[in-house]
C-alpha cells in the first residue's frame, strides 16, 4: 500500500506522466508536465490537473509494465469497491521516480491479481429505465445530454466536467468539441485530455445558474437511475440553461 507522502514524492520526481481515470460512467486520459502535489491528511491533490486521490479508499497499488508501450511502466491504483481505477504511465527514463516506488515493493506477480483489476458495477435499472438505456445504446441522439453538449459546443466556450467519487474526484475544462461513439458513448477533448461519458447511465439531469470562478454559469447535474449524482457539466453562460429548459420541456411532452 502506498501512502500519499510516498506517492507525492513519486509525482514530484516525474518530468511528465500520462494519467487515466476509469469508473462505471466516465473514462478520462490526459498528460501532465512536472506535476505539483498538495497533501492534506490522506488526500493527494494534483492542482494543475484537477485531480484528487483519497488514499483511505485505495484498495491496492501495483507497478507493472505498460502493455501499450514497452518503454513505460504503469502504476495502478484501484478503489476498495473496485469500481474506480487510476493508471499513471511512468517513462522508464524517470529513474528517480521509479526508485521511490520500488523501495515500497512487497512482492512480484506474473499477472495482475484480481484485487488490482477494475470490476465495473452499475445499479440494476427498472424495466422502463432498462428500455431507455437500450434506446440510448442504439441511438445516442435520443439522449437529452447529447443535445445539451451539442449546444454547449455550438456556443464555443469551454465545458467543465466535474465528478466526485470515493477514491477520485476530478474537475477540468474541455474544449467545445464532441464525438459520438457506438453504444451511447460521447467524448470531449482538449489539447491535452480526452473524456468519455456513457450517456446510457445518465437517467436524469437538473440545471441551475450559479457563480463559477466569478462568472454566472449554467450547472447541469447528471444522475443515475437511483438518483445518485454522477457528474456535473458547467459552462460559463446562461444560454445553456435556456436550452436545457427547452430540451427538458420537449422530453416531458413526448
Protein backbone atom coordinates (compact mmCIF):
# COMPACT_ATOMS: atom_id res chain seq x y z
CA UNK A 1 0.00 0.00 0.00
CA UNK A 2 1.28 3.44 -0.93
CA UNK A 3 0.94 6.35 1.43
CA UNK A 4 0.10 9.78 -0.01
CA UNK A 5 3.51 11.10 1.06
CA UNK A 6 5.33 8.42 -0.95
CA UNK A 7 3.07 8.95 -3.93
CA UNK A 8 3.64 12.70 -3.60
CA UNK A 9 7.42 12.19 -3.76
CA UNK A 10 6.90 9.96 -6.80
CA UNK A 11 4.83 12.57 -8.68
CA UNK A 12 7.24 15.37 -7.78
CA UNK A 13 10.14 13.39 -9.27
CA UNK A 14 8.38 12.88 -12.61
CA UNK A 15 9.23 15.08 -15.60
CA UNK A 16 5.85 14.19 -17.09
CA UNK A 17 3.31 11.37 -16.99
CA UNK A 18 0.10 10.16 -18.57
CA UNK A 19 -2.92 9.66 -16.32
CA UNK A 20 -6.03 7.59 -17.00
CA UNK A 21 -9.19 7.62 -14.88
CA UNK A 22 -11.87 4.99 -15.25
CA UNK A 23 -15.16 4.30 -13.48
CA UNK A 24 -18.56 2.93 -14.44
CA UNK A 25 -19.71 6.08 -16.28
CA UNK A 26 -16.60 8.07 -17.18
CA UNK A 27 -13.14 7.49 -18.56
CA UNK A 28 -10.53 10.19 -18.97
CA UNK A 29 -6.95 10.37 -20.22
CA UNK A 30 -4.59 13.33 -20.00
CA UNK A 31 -0.94 14.25 -19.70
CA UNK A 32 0.69 16.44 -17.09
CA UNK A 33 4.13 18.07 -17.08
CA UNK A 34 6.23 18.39 -13.90
CA UNK A 35 3.22 17.60 -11.65
CA UNK A 36 2.90 19.65 -8.48
CA UNK A 37 1.44 18.00 -5.37
CA UNK A 38 -0.55 19.12 -2.33
CA UNK A 39 -1.17 16.61 0.50
CA UNK A 40 -3.92 17.08 3.08
CA UNK A 41 -4.10 14.15 5.54
CA UNK A 42 -4.92 11.12 3.37
CA UNK A 43 -5.79 13.14 0.24
CA UNK A 44 -3.29 13.88 -2.51
CA UNK A 45 -4.14 16.72 -4.90
CA UNK A 46 -2.66 17.49 -8.32
CA UNK A 47 -3.98 21.06 -8.67
CA UNK A 48 -2.67 21.54 -12.20
CA UNK A 49 -4.70 18.52 -13.36
CA UNK A 50 -7.82 18.99 -11.24
CA UNK A 51 -7.38 15.53 -9.71
CA UNK A 52 -7.71 14.45 -6.07
CA UNK A 53 -6.87 10.97 -4.76
CA UNK A 54 -8.30 9.83 -1.40
CA UNK A 55 -5.86 7.18 -0.17
CA UNK A 56 -8.21 5.91 2.54
CA UNK A 57 -10.28 4.47 -0.32
CA UNK A 58 -7.37 2.93 -2.25
CA UNK A 59 -7.58 -0.86 -2.06
CA UNK A 60 -4.41 -1.81 -3.92
CA UNK A 61 -1.45 -0.39 -5.82
CA UNK A 62 0.56 -2.25 -8.45
CA UNK A 63 3.53 -1.30 -10.61
CA UNK A 64 3.76 -3.17 -13.89
CA UNK A 65 4.98 -2.98 -17.47
CA UNK A 66 2.85 -0.91 -19.80
CA UNK A 67 1.16 -3.30 -22.23
CA UNK A 68 0.83 -0.44 -24.76
CA UNK A 69 4.43 0.79 -24.59
CA UNK A 70 7.50 -1.27 -23.73
CA UNK A 71 9.28 1.94 -22.76
CA UNK A 72 6.93 2.73 -19.88
CA UNK A 73 5.82 1.38 -16.53
CA UNK A 74 2.35 1.96 -15.10
CA UNK A 75 1.26 2.49 -11.50
CA UNK A 76 -2.29 1.20 -10.98
CA UNK A 77 -4.45 2.32 -8.05
CA UNK A 78 -7.78 0.52 -7.57
CA UNK A 79 -10.54 1.56 -5.17
CA UNK A 80 -11.93 -0.51 -2.29
CA UNK A 81 -15.08 -1.35 -4.25
CA UNK A 82 -13.00 -1.91 -7.44
CA UNK A 83 -15.34 0.46 -9.25
CA UNK A 84 -12.67 3.11 -9.81
CA UNK A 85 -9.17 2.90 -11.18
CA UNK A 86 -6.30 5.31 -11.74
CA UNK A 87 -3.43 4.42 -14.05
CA UNK A 88 -0.25 6.53 -14.13
CA UNK A 89 2.07 5.96 -17.08
CA UNK A 90 5.71 6.36 -16.00
CA UNK A 91 8.52 6.78 -18.54
CA UNK A 92 11.33 4.29 -17.87
CA UNK A 93 13.78 7.20 -18.04
CA UNK A 94 12.28 8.58 -14.78
CA UNK A 95 14.77 6.62 -12.65
CA UNK A 96 14.36 8.73 -9.52
CA UNK A 97 10.58 8.38 -9.50
CA UNK A 98 10.76 4.62 -10.15
CA UNK A 99 13.31 4.20 -7.34
CA UNK A 100 10.88 5.84 -4.91
CA UNK A 101 8.21 3.29 -5.81
CA UNK A 102 10.38 0.18 -5.95
CA UNK A 103 11.57 0.76 -2.38
CA UNK A 104 7.96 0.02 -1.37
CA UNK A 105 7.51 -3.13 -3.44
CA UNK A 106 6.24 -6.05 -1.34
CA UNK A 107 6.03 -8.87 -3.89
CA UNK A 108 6.02 -9.52 -7.62
CA UNK A 109 3.28 -11.11 -9.73
CA UNK A 110 3.29 -12.77 -13.13
CA UNK A 111 -0.13 -11.28 -13.89
CA UNK A 112 -2.20 -8.53 -12.30
CA UNK A 113 -4.13 -10.01 -9.33
CA UNK A 114 -7.90 -9.59 -9.16
CA UNK A 115 -7.52 -7.00 -6.39
CA UNK A 116 -5.86 -4.71 -8.93
CA UNK A 117 -8.46 -5.17 -11.64
CA UNK A 118 -11.40 -2.86 -12.02
CA UNK A 119 -14.80 -4.50 -11.61
CA UNK A 120 -17.50 -2.25 -13.02
CA UNK A 121 -20.83 -2.47 -11.18
CA UNK A 122 -23.92 -0.48 -12.05
CA UNK A 123 -27.35 -0.21 -10.41
CA UNK A 124 -29.90 -2.64 -11.82
CA UNK A 125 -32.50 -0.42 -13.55
CA UNK A 126 -36.22 -0.96 -13.62
CA UNK A 127 -37.87 -2.14 -16.87
CA UNK A 128 -38.61 1.41 -18.01
CA UNK A 129 -35.03 2.58 -17.34
CA UNK A 130 -33.65 -0.54 -19.00
CA UNK A 131 -35.57 0.28 -22.17
CA UNK A 132 -34.33 3.86 -22.01
CA UNK A 133 -30.74 2.65 -21.66
CA UNK A 134 -31.12 0.27 -24.61
CA UNK A 135 -32.52 3.09 -26.72
CA UNK A 136 -29.51 5.28 -25.96
CA UNK A 137 -27.19 2.38 -26.77
CA UNK A 138 -28.66 2.20 -30.28
CA UNK A 139 -29.40 5.91 -30.82
CA UNK A 140 -27.21 8.30 -28.83
CA UNK A 141 -29.08 11.31 -30.26
CA UNK A 142 -32.16 10.21 -28.29
CA UNK A 143 -30.47 11.36 -25.06
CA UNK A 144 -31.06 14.97 -23.91
CA UNK A 145 -27.46 15.34 -22.68
CA UNK A 146 -26.25 14.65 -26.23
CA UNK A 147 -28.12 17.73 -27.43
CA UNK A 148 -27.08 19.79 -24.42
CA UNK A 149 -23.43 19.04 -25.16
CA UNK A 150 -24.03 19.78 -28.85
CA UNK A 151 -25.39 23.19 -27.91
CA UNK A 152 -22.52 23.75 -25.47
CA UNK A 153 -20.12 23.12 -28.35
CA UNK A 154 -22.11 25.50 -30.60
CA UNK A 155 -21.73 28.29 -28.02
CA UNK A 156 -17.96 27.80 -28.42
CA UNK A 157 -16.95 28.05 -24.77
CA UNK A 158 -15.12 25.54 -22.64
CA UNK A 159 -17.17 22.90 -20.85
CA UNK A 160 -16.11 21.84 -17.35
CA UNK A 161 -16.55 18.22 -16.27
CA UNK A 162 -16.75 17.71 -12.52
CA UNK A 163 -17.26 14.49 -10.56
CA UNK A 164 -16.61 13.22 -7.05
CA UNK A 165 -16.21 9.53 -6.17
CA UNK A 166 -14.90 7.75 -3.09
CA UNK A 167 -11.33 7.38 -4.34
CA UNK A 168 -11.09 10.01 -7.07
CA UNK A 169 -12.52 13.45 -7.71
CA UNK A 170 -11.85 15.41 -10.86
CA UNK A 171 -12.62 18.85 -12.29
CA UNK A 172 -11.29 20.03 -15.64
CA UNK A 173 -12.22 22.18 -18.63
CA UNK A 174 -12.56 20.72 -22.11
CA UNK A 175 -12.68 22.46 -25.45
CA UNK A 176 -16.13 22.55 -27.10
CA UNK A 177 -15.78 19.59 -29.44
CA UNK A 178 -17.57 16.28 -29.30
CA UNK A 179 -17.52 12.91 -30.97
CA UNK A 180 -20.15 10.22 -30.54
CA UNK A 181 -19.29 6.54 -30.43
CA UNK A 182 -21.28 3.31 -30.59
CA UNK A 183 -23.33 2.16 -27.61
CA UNK A 184 -24.15 5.56 -26.15
CA UNK A 185 -20.63 6.89 -25.56
CA UNK A 186 -19.79 10.56 -26.18
CA UNK A 187 -16.34 12.09 -25.84
CA UNK A 188 -14.95 15.60 -25.45
CA UNK A 189 -11.34 16.64 -25.98
CA UNK A 190 -8.90 19.38 -25.13
CA UNK A 191 -5.34 19.77 -26.36
CA UNK A 192 -4.05 17.60 -23.51
CA UNK A 193 -7.02 15.47 -22.46
CA UNK A 194 -9.99 13.46 -23.63
CA UNK A 195 -13.01 12.39 -21.58
CA UNK A 196 -15.70 9.86 -22.49
CA UNK A 197 -19.13 9.59 -20.88
CA UNK A 198 -21.59 6.72 -21.01
CA UNK A 199 -24.90 8.51 -21.62
CA UNK A 200 -26.74 5.23 -21.17
CA UNK A 201 -26.07 5.54 -17.41
CA UNK A 202 -27.44 9.11 -17.13
CA UNK A 203 -31.19 8.98 -16.48
CA UNK A 204 -31.95 12.45 -15.19
CA UNK A 205 -30.49 15.95 -15.06
CA UNK A 206 -31.10 19.18 -13.18
CA UNK A 207 -29.78 22.56 -14.33
CA UNK A 208 -29.47 25.87 -12.49
CA UNK A 209 -27.44 29.09 -12.51
CA UNK A 210 -24.65 29.64 -10.03
CA UNK A 211 -21.38 31.52 -9.73
CA UNK A 212 -18.41 29.59 -11.11
CA UNK A 213 -14.99 31.23 -10.96
CA UNK A 214 -16.61 34.66 -10.75
CA UNK A 215 -18.99 34.19 -13.69
CA UNK A 216 -22.70 33.39 -13.73
CA UNK A 217 -22.73 29.88 -15.13
CA UNK A 218 -25.04 27.03 -16.06
CA UNK A 219 -24.51 23.89 -13.99
CA UNK A 220 -26.12 20.67 -15.21
CA UNK A 221 -26.08 17.88 -12.63
CA UNK A 222 -26.48 14.35 -14.02
CA UNK A 223 -27.90 11.38 -12.07
CA UNK A 224 -28.20 7.62 -12.47
CA UNK A 225 -31.41 5.61 -12.22
CA UNK A 226 -31.14 5.54 -8.39
CA UNK A 227 -30.86 9.33 -8.13
CA UNK A 228 -27.14 9.33 -7.29
CA UNK A 229 -25.21 12.22 -8.81
CA UNK A 230 -22.67 11.06 -11.37
CA UNK A 231 -21.18 14.28 -12.68
CA UNK A 232 -21.73 17.97 -13.38
CA UNK A 233 -21.38 19.82 -16.68
CA UNK A 234 -20.55 23.52 -16.28
CA UNK A 235 -20.42 26.29 -18.86
CA UNK A 236 -19.91 29.96 -18.08
CA UNK A 237 -23.05 31.40 -19.66
CA UNK A 238 -26.83 31.49 -19.16
CA UNK A 239 -27.75 30.34 -22.68
CA UNK A 240 -27.10 26.71 -21.83
CA UNK A 241 -29.74 26.83 -19.09
CA UNK A 242 -32.30 28.19 -21.57
CA UNK A 243 -31.50 25.36 -23.97
CA UNK A 244 -31.65 22.73 -21.20
CA UNK A 245 -35.12 24.06 -20.22
CA UNK A 246 -36.26 23.74 -23.83
CA UNK A 247 -34.93 20.19 -24.15
CA UNK A 248 -36.47 19.17 -20.80
CA UNK A 249 -39.89 20.58 -21.76
CA UNK A 250 -39.75 18.71 -25.08
CA UNK A 251 -38.85 15.45 -23.34
CA UNK A 252 -41.72 15.79 -20.85
CA UNK A 253 -44.24 16.15 -23.67
CA UNK A 254 -43.05 13.13 -25.60
